């Protein structure tokens, strides 16, 4: 690929990122799980893809998470807008 073109492969870009990238569909099933997510959470993409976010959302926070997620999917808005959040999560080891 010519570095001077605007042709960017989104999948390659997400995979090259050092940060964890986790993307879910409207139902909350994981559709993108990059190498950063593998390193952070311990689950491979093969293990994570198609599962719900419950695998990384602590049990005590799941109701709150899904209530907010469903509202965001319904309205197209989130109360956090562009804020960067620090949220607790669970890795494969628990």
PDB file of N, CA and C in Angstrom:
ATOM      1  N   UNK A   1       0.849  -1.178   0.000  1.00  0.00           N
ATOM      2  CA  UNK A   1       0.000   0.000   0.000  1.00  0.00           C
ATOM      3  C   UNK A   1       0.892   1.237   0.000  1.00  0.00           C
ATOM      4  N   UNK A   2       0.556   2.181  -0.835  1.00  0.00           N
ATOM      5  CA  UNK A   2       1.283   3.436  -0.920  1.00  0.00           C
ATOM      6  C   UNK A   2       0.974   4.288   0.312  1.00  0.00           C
ATOM      7  N   UNK A   3       1.972   4.689   1.109  1.00  0.00           N
ATOM      8  CA  UNK A   3       1.711   5.466   2.332  1.00  0.00           C
ATOM      9  C   UNK A   3       1.125   6.843   2.051  1.00  0.00           C
ATOM     10  N   UNK A   4       1.163   7.277   0.802  1.00  0.00           N
ATOM     11  CA  UNK A   4       0.631   8.591   0.449  1.00  0.00           C
ATOM     12  C   UNK A   4      -0.828   8.544   0.013  1.00  0.00           C
ATOM     13  N   UNK A   5      -1.426   7.381  -0.004  1.00  0.00           N
ATOM     14  CA  UNK A   5      -2.827   7.294  -0.413  1.00  0.00           C
ATOM     15  C   UNK A   5      -3.719   7.346   0.811  1.00  0.00           C
ATOM     16  N   UNK A   6      -4.996   7.547   0.569  1.00  0.00           N
ATOM     17  CA  UNK A   6      -5.959   7.580   1.671  1.00  0.00           C
ATOM     18  C   UNK A   6      -6.636   6.229   1.860  1.00  0.00           C
ATOM     19  N   UNK A   7      -6.124   5.203   1.198  1.00  0.00           N
ATOM     20  CA  UNK A   7      -6.699   3.862   1.348  1.00  0.00           C
ATOM     21  C   UNK A   7      -6.218   3.254   2.658  1.00  0.00           C
ATOM     22  N   UNK A   8      -7.103   3.231   3.637  1.00  0.00           N
ATOM     23  CA  UNK A   8      -6.768   2.685   4.945  1.00  0.00           C
ATOM     24  C   UNK A   8      -7.624   1.454   5.181  1.00  0.00           C
ATOM     25  N   UNK A   9      -6.992   0.371   5.563  1.00  0.00           N
ATOM     26  CA  UNK A   9      -7.716  -0.850   5.899  1.00  0.00           C
ATOM     27  C   UNK A   9      -8.117  -0.759   7.363  1.00  0.00           C
ATOM     28  N   UNK A  10      -9.418  -0.536   7.654  1.00  0.00           N
ATOM     29  CA  UNK A  10      -9.838  -0.370   9.050  1.00  0.00           C
ATOM     30  C   UNK A  10      -9.489  -1.560   9.934  1.00  0.00           C
ATOM     31  N   UNK A  11      -9.608  -2.763   9.411  1.00  0.00           N
ATOM     32  CA  UNK A  11      -9.282  -3.944  10.222  1.00  0.00           C
ATOM     33  C   UNK A  11      -7.804  -3.970  10.591  1.00  0.00           C
ATOM     34  N   UNK A  12      -6.947  -3.661   9.633  1.00  0.00           N
ATOM     35  CA  UNK A  12      -5.509  -3.643   9.909  1.00  0.00           C
ATOM     36  C   UNK A  12      -5.171  -2.537  10.903  1.00  0.00           C
ATOM     37  N   UNK A  13      -5.837  -1.404  10.778  1.00  0.00           N
ATOM     38  CA  UNK A  13      -5.608  -0.299  11.705  1.00  0.00           C
ATOM     39  C   UNK A  13      -5.972  -0.691  13.130  1.00  0.00           C
ATOM     40  N   UNK A  14      -7.146  -1.288  13.304  1.00  0.00           N
ATOM     41  CA  UNK A  14      -7.594  -1.708  14.645  1.00  0.00           C
ATOM     42  C   UNK A  14      -6.656  -2.765  15.204  1.00  0.00           C
ATOM     43  N   UNK A  15      -6.228  -3.688  14.378  1.00  0.00           N
ATOM     44  CA  UNK A  15      -5.342  -4.746  14.865  1.00  0.00           C
ATOM     45  C   UNK A  15      -3.968  -4.201  15.233  1.00  0.00           C
ATOM     46  N   UNK A  16      -3.524  -3.166  14.556  1.00  0.00           N
ATOM     47  CA  UNK A  16      -2.200  -2.596  14.824  1.00  0.00           C
ATOM     48  C   UNK A  16      -2.176  -1.742  16.090  1.00  0.00           C
ATOM     49  N   UNK A  17      -3.334  -1.351  16.582  1.00  0.00           N
ATOM     50  CA  UNK A  17      -3.388  -0.501  17.774  1.00  0.00           C
ATOM     51  C   UNK A  17      -2.909  -1.272  19.001  1.00  0.00           C
ATOM     52  N   UNK A  18      -2.186  -0.594  19.860  1.00  0.00           N
ATOM     53  CA  UNK A  18      -1.739  -1.216  21.103  1.00  0.00           C
ATOM     54  C   UNK A  18      -2.837  -1.301  22.140  1.00  0.00           C
ATOM     55  N   UNK A  19      -3.802  -0.395  22.056  1.00  0.00           N
ATOM     56  CA  UNK A  19      -4.919  -0.389  23.005  1.00  0.00           C
ATOM     57  C   UNK A  19      -5.916  -1.485  22.668  1.00  0.00           C
ATOM     58  N   UNK A  20      -6.665  -1.894  23.678  1.00  0.00           N
ATOM     59  CA  UNK A  20      -7.734  -2.861  23.460  1.00  0.00           C
ATOM     60  C   UNK A  20      -8.875  -2.184  22.720  1.00  0.00           C
ATOM     61  N   UNK A  21      -9.352  -2.837  21.669  1.00  0.00           N
ATOM     62  CA  UNK A  21     -10.523  -2.359  20.941  1.00  0.00           C
ATOM     63  C   UNK A  21     -11.548  -3.485  20.969  1.00  0.00           C
ATOM     64  N   UNK A  22     -12.696  -3.186  21.579  1.00  0.00           N
ATOM     65  CA  UNK A  22     -13.796  -4.138  21.658  1.00  0.00           C
ATOM     66  C   UNK A  22     -15.029  -3.421  21.116  1.00  0.00           C
ATOM     67  N   UNK A  23     -15.642  -3.998  20.098  1.00  0.00           N
ATOM     68  CA  UNK A  23     -16.826  -3.412  19.481  1.00  0.00           C
ATOM     69  C   UNK A  23     -17.938  -4.439  19.535  1.00  0.00           C
ATOM     70  N   UNK A  24     -19.133  -3.954  19.888  1.00  0.00           N
ATOM     71  CA  UNK A  24     -20.297  -4.828  19.974  1.00  0.00           C
ATOM     72  C   UNK A  24     -21.356  -4.394  18.979  1.00  0.00           C
ATOM     73  N   UNK A  25     -22.202  -5.332  18.599  1.00  0.00           N
ATOM     74  CA  UNK A  25     -23.349  -4.985  17.767  1.00  0.00           C
ATOM     75  C   UNK A  25     -24.475  -4.471  18.646  1.00  0.00           C
ATOM     76  N   UNK A  26     -25.611  -4.181  18.051  1.00  0.00           N
ATOM     77  CA  UNK A  26     -26.740  -3.601  18.787  1.00  0.00           C
ATOM     78  C   UNK A  26     -27.206  -4.517  19.917  1.00  0.00           C
ATOM     79  N   UNK A  27     -27.107  -5.811  19.735  1.00  0.00           N
ATOM     80  CA  UNK A  27     -27.532  -6.758  20.766  1.00  0.00           C
ATOM     81  C   UNK A  27     -26.483  -6.958  21.863  1.00  0.00           C
ATOM     82  N   UNK A  28     -25.304  -6.386  21.684  1.00  0.00           N
ATOM     83  CA  UNK A  28     -24.263  -6.504  22.698  1.00  0.00           C
ATOM     84  C   UNK A  28     -23.306  -7.669  22.471  1.00  0.00           C
ATOM     85  N   UNK A  29     -23.378  -8.280  21.281  1.00  0.00           N
ATOM     86  CA  UNK A  29     -22.439  -9.359  20.959  1.00  0.00           C
ATOM     87  C   UNK A  29     -21.152  -8.757  20.403  1.00  0.00           C
ATOM     88  N   UNK A  30     -20.033  -9.305  20.821  1.00  0.00           N
ATOM     89  CA  UNK A  30     -18.730  -8.793  20.405  1.00  0.00           C
ATOM     90  C   UNK A  30     -18.482  -9.134  18.941  1.00  0.00           C
ATOM     91  N   UNK A  31     -18.166  -8.098  18.152  1.00  0.00           N
ATOM     92  CA  UNK A  31     -17.897  -8.287  16.724  1.00  0.00           C
ATOM     93  C   UNK A  31     -16.466  -7.903  16.352  1.00  0.00           C
ATOM     94  N   UNK A  32     -15.780  -7.176  17.215  1.00  0.00           N
ATOM     95  CA  UNK A  32     -14.365  -6.844  17.007  1.00  0.00           C
ATOM     96  C   UNK A  32     -13.652  -7.034  18.342  1.00  0.00           C
ATOM     97  N   UNK A  33     -12.525  -7.726  18.298  1.00  0.00           N
ATOM     98  CA  UNK A  33     -11.698  -7.990  19.488  1.00  0.00           C
ATOM     99  C   UNK A  33     -10.267  -8.065  18.985  1.00  0.00           C
ATOM    100  N   UNK A  34      -9.488  -7.015  19.229  1.00  0.00           N
ATOM    101  CA  UNK A  34      -8.141  -6.974  18.647  1.00  0.00           C
ATOM    102  C   UNK A  34      -7.082  -7.579  19.569  1.00  0.00           C
ATOM    103  N   UNK A  35      -5.839  -7.533  19.107  1.00  0.00           N
ATOM    104  CA  UNK A  35      -4.733  -8.076  19.890  1.00  0.00           C
ATOM    105  C   UNK A  35      -4.558  -7.383  21.229  1.00  0.00           C
ATOM    106  N   UNK A  36      -4.838  -6.079  21.281  1.00  0.00           N
ATOM    107  CA  UNK A  36      -4.776  -5.354  22.554  1.00  0.00           C
ATOM    108  C   UNK A  36      -5.776  -5.907  23.557  1.00  0.00           C
ATOM    109  N   UNK A  37      -6.968  -6.256  23.074  1.00  0.00           N
ATOM    110  CA  UNK A  37      -7.990  -6.856  23.948  1.00  0.00           C
ATOM    111  C   UNK A  37      -7.533  -8.239  24.408  1.00  0.00           C
ATOM    112  N   UNK A  38      -6.885  -8.983  23.532  1.00  0.00           N
ATOM    113  CA  UNK A  38      -6.358 -10.295  23.922  1.00  0.00           C
ATOM    114  C   UNK A  38      -5.348 -10.147  25.051  1.00  0.00           C
ATOM    115  N   UNK A  39      -4.429  -9.185  24.907  1.00  0.00           N
ATOM    116  CA  UNK A  39      -3.404  -8.985  25.942  1.00  0.00           C
ATOM    117  C   UNK A  39      -4.023  -8.490  27.249  1.00  0.00           C
ATOM    118  N   UNK A  40      -4.980  -7.587  27.179  1.00  0.00           N
ATOM    119  CA  UNK A  40      -5.569  -7.012  28.377  1.00  0.00           C
ATOM    120  C   UNK A  40      -6.468  -7.990  29.116  1.00  0.00           C
ATOM    121  N   UNK A  41      -7.314  -8.702  28.370  1.00  0.00           N
ATOM    122  CA  UNK A  41      -8.328  -9.549  28.998  1.00  0.00           C
ATOM    123  C   UNK A  41      -7.985 -11.041  29.021  1.00  0.00           C
ATOM    124  N   UNK A  42      -7.029 -11.463  28.206  1.00  0.00           N
ATOM    125  CA  UNK A  42      -6.617 -12.868  28.224  1.00  0.00           C
ATOM    126  C   UNK A  42      -7.422 -13.806  27.338  1.00  0.00           C
ATOM    127  N   UNK A  43      -8.490 -13.334  26.760  1.00  0.00           N
ATOM    128  CA  UNK A  43      -9.309 -14.143  25.849  1.00  0.00           C
ATOM    129  C   UNK A  43      -8.827 -13.908  24.421  1.00  0.00           C
ATOM    130  N   UNK A  44      -8.745 -14.954  23.621  1.00  0.00           N
ATOM    131  CA  UNK A  44      -8.400 -14.769  22.214  1.00  0.00           C
ATOM    132  C   UNK A  44      -9.624 -14.249  21.473  1.00  0.00           C
ATOM    133  N   UNK A  45      -9.387 -13.717  20.287  1.00  0.00           N
ATOM    134  CA  UNK A  45     -10.502 -13.249  19.459  1.00  0.00           C
ATOM    135  C   UNK A  45     -11.447 -14.408  19.154  1.00  0.00           C
ATOM    136  N   UNK A  46     -10.903 -15.585  18.904  1.00  0.00           N
ATOM    137  CA  UNK A  46     -11.735 -16.750  18.622  1.00  0.00           C
ATOM    138  C   UNK A  46     -12.669 -17.056  19.786  1.00  0.00           C
ATOM    139  N   UNK A  47     -12.166 -16.912  21.006  1.00  0.00           N
ATOM    140  CA  UNK A  47     -12.992 -17.162  22.187  1.00  0.00           C
ATOM    141  C   UNK A  47     -14.032 -16.061  22.409  1.00  0.00           C
ATOM    142  N   UNK A  48     -13.677 -14.820  22.114  1.00  0.00           N
ATOM    143  CA  UNK A  48     -14.526 -13.678  22.468  1.00  0.00           C
ATOM    144  C   UNK A  48     -15.589 -13.343  21.423  1.00  0.00           C
ATOM    145  N   UNK A  49     -15.252 -13.470  20.155  1.00  0.00           N
ATOM    146  CA  UNK A  49     -16.182 -13.053  19.106  1.00  0.00           C
ATOM    147  C   UNK A  49     -17.503 -13.809  19.202  1.00  0.00           C
ATOM    148  N   UNK A  50     -18.580 -13.052  19.153  1.00  0.00           N
ATOM    149  CA  UNK A  50     -19.920 -13.631  19.224  1.00  0.00           C
ATOM    150  C   UNK A  50     -20.480 -13.707  20.633  1.00  0.00           C
ATOM    151  N   UNK A  51     -19.617 -13.564  21.650  1.00  0.00           N
ATOM    152  CA  UNK A  51     -20.096 -13.584  23.029  1.00  0.00           C
ATOM    153  C   UNK A  51     -20.561 -12.192  23.430  1.00  0.00           C
ATOM    154  N   UNK A  52     -21.320 -12.131  24.491  1.00  0.00           N
ATOM    155  CA  UNK A  52     -21.771 -10.838  25.009  1.00  0.00           C
ATOM    156  C   UNK A  52     -20.703 -10.257  25.927  1.00  0.00           C
ATOM    157  N   UNK A  53     -20.816  -8.975  26.163  1.00  0.00           N
ATOM    158  CA  UNK A  53     -19.856  -8.252  27.002  1.00  0.00           C
ATOM    159  C   UNK A  53     -19.816  -8.760  28.438  1.00  0.00           C
ATOM    160  N   UNK A  54     -20.764  -9.598  28.825  1.00  0.00           N
ATOM    161  CA  UNK A  54     -20.777 -10.134  30.185  1.00  0.00           C
ATOM    162  C   UNK A  54     -19.453 -10.793  30.561  1.00  0.00           C
ATOM    163  N   UNK A  55     -18.713 -11.245  29.572  1.00  0.00           N
ATOM    164  CA  UNK A  55     -17.448 -11.914  29.873  1.00  0.00           C
ATOM    165  C   UNK A  55     -16.429 -10.964  30.500  1.00  0.00           C
ATOM    166  N   UNK A  56     -16.573  -9.646  30.272  1.00  0.00           N
ATOM    167  CA  UNK A  56     -15.613  -8.712  30.855  1.00  0.00           C
ATOM    168  C   UNK A  56     -16.266  -7.695  31.798  1.00  0.00           C
ATOM    169  N   UNK A  57     -17.600  -7.662  31.860  1.00  0.00           N
ATOM    170  CA  UNK A  57     -18.293  -6.746  32.769  1.00  0.00           C
ATOM    171  C   UNK A  57     -18.475  -7.457  34.108  1.00  0.00           C
ATOM    172  N   UNK A  58     -17.970  -6.891  35.191  1.00  0.00           N
ATOM    173  CA  UNK A  58     -18.150  -7.532  36.497  1.00  0.00           C
ATOM    174  C   UNK A  58     -19.634  -7.777  36.781  1.00  0.00           C
ATOM    175  N   UNK A  59     -19.925  -8.919  37.377  1.00  0.00           N
ATOM    176  CA  UNK A  59     -21.313  -9.312  37.619  1.00  0.00           C
ATOM    177  C   UNK A  59     -22.102  -8.237  38.350  1.00  0.00           C
ATOM    178  N   UNK A  60     -21.496  -7.596  39.337  1.00  0.00           N
ATOM    179  CA  UNK A  60     -22.215  -6.603  40.132  1.00  0.00           C
ATOM    180  C   UNK A  60     -22.611  -5.367  39.322  1.00  0.00           C
ATOM    181  N   UNK A  61     -21.991  -5.166  38.145  1.00  0.00           N
ATOM    182  CA  UNK A  61     -22.266  -3.993  37.320  1.00  0.00           C
ATOM    183  C   UNK A  61     -23.066  -4.306  36.055  1.00  0.00           C
ATOM    184  N   UNK A  62     -23.398  -5.562  35.843  1.00  0.00           N
ATOM    185  CA  UNK A  62     -24.028  -5.941  34.578  1.00  0.00           C
ATOM    186  C   UNK A  62     -25.381  -5.286  34.341  1.00  0.00           C
ATOM    187  N   UNK A  63     -26.228  -5.242  35.358  1.00  0.00           N
ATOM    188  CA  UNK A  63     -27.540  -4.631  35.151  1.00  0.00           C
ATOM    189  C   UNK A  63     -27.387  -3.174  34.742  1.00  0.00           C
ATOM    190  N   UNK A  64     -26.544  -2.449  35.474  1.00  0.00           N
ATOM    191  CA  UNK A  64     -26.306  -1.036  35.149  1.00  0.00           C
ATOM    192  C   UNK A  64     -25.733  -0.899  33.735  1.00  0.00           C
ATOM    193  N   UNK A  65     -24.788  -1.759  33.397  1.00  0.00           N
ATOM    194  CA  UNK A  65     -24.176  -1.731  32.066  1.00  0.00           C
ATOM    195  C   UNK A  65     -25.235  -1.928  30.987  1.00  0.00           C
ATOM    196  N   UNK A  66     -26.040  -2.990  31.125  1.00  0.00           N
ATOM    197  CA  UNK A  66     -27.012  -3.304  30.072  1.00  0.00           C
ATOM    198  C   UNK A  66     -28.143  -2.287  30.022  1.00  0.00           C
ATOM    199  N   UNK A  67     -28.551  -1.736  31.145  1.00  0.00           N
ATOM    200  CA  UNK A  67     -29.563  -0.674  31.134  1.00  0.00           C
ATOM    201  C   UNK A  67     -29.051   0.517  30.322  1.00  0.00           C
ATOM    202  N   UNK A  68     -27.822   0.931  30.584  1.00  0.00           N
ATOM    203  CA  UNK A  68     -27.228   2.046  29.854  1.00  0.00           C
ATOM    204  C   UNK A  68     -26.984   1.720  28.395  1.00  0.00           C
ATOM    205  N   UNK A  69     -26.549   0.506  28.126  1.00  0.00           N
ATOM    206  CA  UNK A  69     -26.265   0.082  26.750  1.00  0.00           C
ATOM    207  C   UNK A  69     -27.551   0.097  25.933  1.00  0.00           C
ATOM    208  N   UNK A  70     -28.602  -0.493  26.478  1.00  0.00           N
ATOM    209  CA  UNK A  70     -29.878  -0.539  25.757  1.00  0.00           C
ATOM    210  C   UNK A  70     -30.433   0.857  25.515  1.00  0.00           C
ATOM    211  N   UNK A  71     -30.297   1.741  26.490  1.00  0.00           N
ATOM    212  CA  UNK A  71     -30.754   3.117  26.305  1.00  0.00           C
ATOM    213  C   UNK A  71     -29.949   3.805  25.204  1.00  0.00           C
ATOM    214  N   UNK A  72     -28.643   3.607  25.197  1.00  0.00           N
ATOM    215  CA  UNK A  72     -27.796   4.205  24.171  1.00  0.00           C
ATOM    216  C   UNK A  72     -28.143   3.670  22.786  1.00  0.00           C
ATOM    217  N   UNK A  73     -28.404   2.386  22.682  1.00  0.00           N
ATOM    218  CA  UNK A  73     -28.769   1.804  21.392  1.00  0.00           C
ATOM    219  C   UNK A  73     -30.134   2.326  20.917  1.00  0.00           C
ATOM    220  N   UNK A  74     -31.037   2.524  21.861  1.00  0.00           N
ATOM    221  CA  UNK A  74     -32.387   2.996  21.538  1.00  0.00           C
ATOM    222  C   UNK A  74     -32.388   4.467  21.110  1.00  0.00           C
ATOM    223  N   UNK A  75     -31.617   5.299  21.813  1.00  0.00           N
ATOM    224  CA  UNK A  75     -31.664   6.742  21.576  1.00  0.00           C
ATOM    225  C   UNK A  75     -30.532   7.252  20.684  1.00  0.00           C
ATOM    226  N   UNK A  76     -29.459   6.469  20.576  1.00  0.00           N
ATOM    227  CA  UNK A  76     -28.298   6.927  19.818  1.00  0.00           C
ATOM    228  C   UNK A  76     -27.431   7.901  20.593  1.00  0.00           C
ATOM    229  N   UNK A  77     -27.720   8.047  21.879  1.00  0.00           N
ATOM    230  CA  UNK A  77     -26.942   8.970  22.715  1.00  0.00           C
ATOM    231  C   UNK A  77     -26.476   8.265  23.980  1.00  0.00           C
ATOM    232  N   UNK A  78     -25.352   8.747  24.479  1.00  0.00           N
ATOM    233  CA  UNK A  78     -24.818   8.241  25.733  1.00  0.00           C
ATOM    234  C   UNK A  78     -24.595   9.412  26.677  1.00  0.00           C
ATOM    235  N   UNK A  79     -24.747   9.178  27.934  1.00  0.00           N
ATOM    236  CA  UNK A  79     -24.538  10.266  28.895  1.00  0.00           C
ATOM    237  C   UNK A  79     -23.063  10.628  29.047  1.00  0.00           C
ATOM    238  N   UNK A  80     -22.172   9.798  28.492  1.00  0.00           N
ATOM    239  CA  UNK A  80     -20.743  10.051  28.634  1.00  0.00           C
ATOM    240  C   UNK A  80     -20.140  10.772  27.435  1.00  0.00           C
ATOM    241  N   UNK A  81     -20.879  10.900  26.347  1.00  0.00           N
ATOM    242  CA  UNK A  81     -20.435  11.587  25.137  1.00  0.00           C
ATOM    243  C   UNK A  81     -19.029  11.141  24.756  1.00  0.00           C
ATOM    244  N   UNK A  82     -18.075  12.053  24.785  1.00  0.00           N
ATOM    245  CA  UNK A  82     -16.700  11.742  24.371  1.00  0.00           C
ATOM    246  C   UNK A  82     -15.754  11.577  25.551  1.00  0.00           C
ATOM    247  N   UNK A  83     -16.306  11.411  26.744  1.00  0.00           N
ATOM    248  CA  UNK A  83     -15.475  11.235  27.928  1.00  0.00           C
ATOM    249  C   UNK A  83     -14.697   9.925  27.864  1.00  0.00           C
ATOM    250  N   UNK A  84     -13.491   9.943  28.353  1.00  0.00           N
ATOM    251  CA  UNK A  84     -12.711   8.724  28.529  1.00  0.00           C
ATOM    252  C   UNK A  84     -13.026   8.214  29.929  1.00  0.00           C
ATOM    253  N   UNK A  85     -13.464   6.983  30.001  1.00  0.00           N
ATOM    254  CA  UNK A  85     -13.882   6.423  31.283  1.00  0.00           C
ATOM    255  C   UNK A  85     -12.918   5.350  31.752  1.00  0.00           C
ATOM    256  N   UNK A  86     -12.748   5.287  33.042  1.00  0.00           N
ATOM    257  CA  UNK A  86     -12.045   4.171  33.685  1.00  0.00           C
ATOM    258  C   UNK A  86     -13.116   3.294  34.279  1.00  0.00           C
ATOM    259  N   UNK A  87     -13.217   2.088  33.797  1.00  0.00           N
ATOM    260  CA  UNK A  87     -14.262   1.195  34.272  1.00  0.00           C
ATOM    261  C   UNK A  87     -13.645  -0.135  34.705  1.00  0.00           C
ATOM    262  N   UNK A  88     -14.188  -0.740  35.748  1.00  0.00           N
ATOM    263  CA  UNK A  88     -13.693  -2.051  36.154  1.00  0.00           C
ATOM    264  C   UNK A  88     -14.072  -3.097  35.117  1.00  0.00           C
ATOM    265  N   UNK A  89     -13.226  -4.089  34.988  1.00  0.00           N
ATOM    266  CA  UNK A  89     -13.483  -5.176  34.046  1.00  0.00           C
ATOM    267  C   UNK A  89     -12.925  -6.471  34.626  1.00  0.00           C
ATOM    268  N   UNK A  90     -13.311  -7.560  34.013  1.00  0.00           N
ATOM    269  CA  UNK A  90     -12.877  -8.884  34.451  1.00  0.00           C
ATOM    270  C   UNK A  90     -12.039  -9.494  33.323  1.00  0.00           C
ATOM    271  N   UNK A  91     -10.901 -10.062  33.676  1.00  0.00           N
ATOM    272  CA  UNK A  91     -10.123 -10.754  32.662  1.00  0.00           C
ATOM    273  C   UNK A  91     -10.413 -12.252  32.725  1.00  0.00           C
ATOM    274  N   UNK A  92      -9.788 -13.011  31.853  1.00  0.00           N
ATOM    275  CA  UNK A  92     -10.061 -14.448  31.767  1.00  0.00           C
ATOM    276  C   UNK A  92      -9.778 -15.169  33.082  1.00  0.00           C
ATOM    277  N   UNK A  93      -8.794 -14.681  33.809  1.00  0.00           N
ATOM    278  CA  UNK A  93      -8.451 -15.314  35.084  1.00  0.00           C
ATOM    279  C   UNK A  93      -9.425 -14.948  36.210  1.00  0.00           C
ATOM    280  N   UNK A  94     -10.335 -14.016  35.924  1.00  0.00           N
ATOM    281  CA  UNK A  94     -11.325 -13.632  36.924  1.00  0.00           C
ATOM    282  C   UNK A  94     -10.966 -12.374  37.637  1.00  0.00           C
TER     283      UNK A  94
END
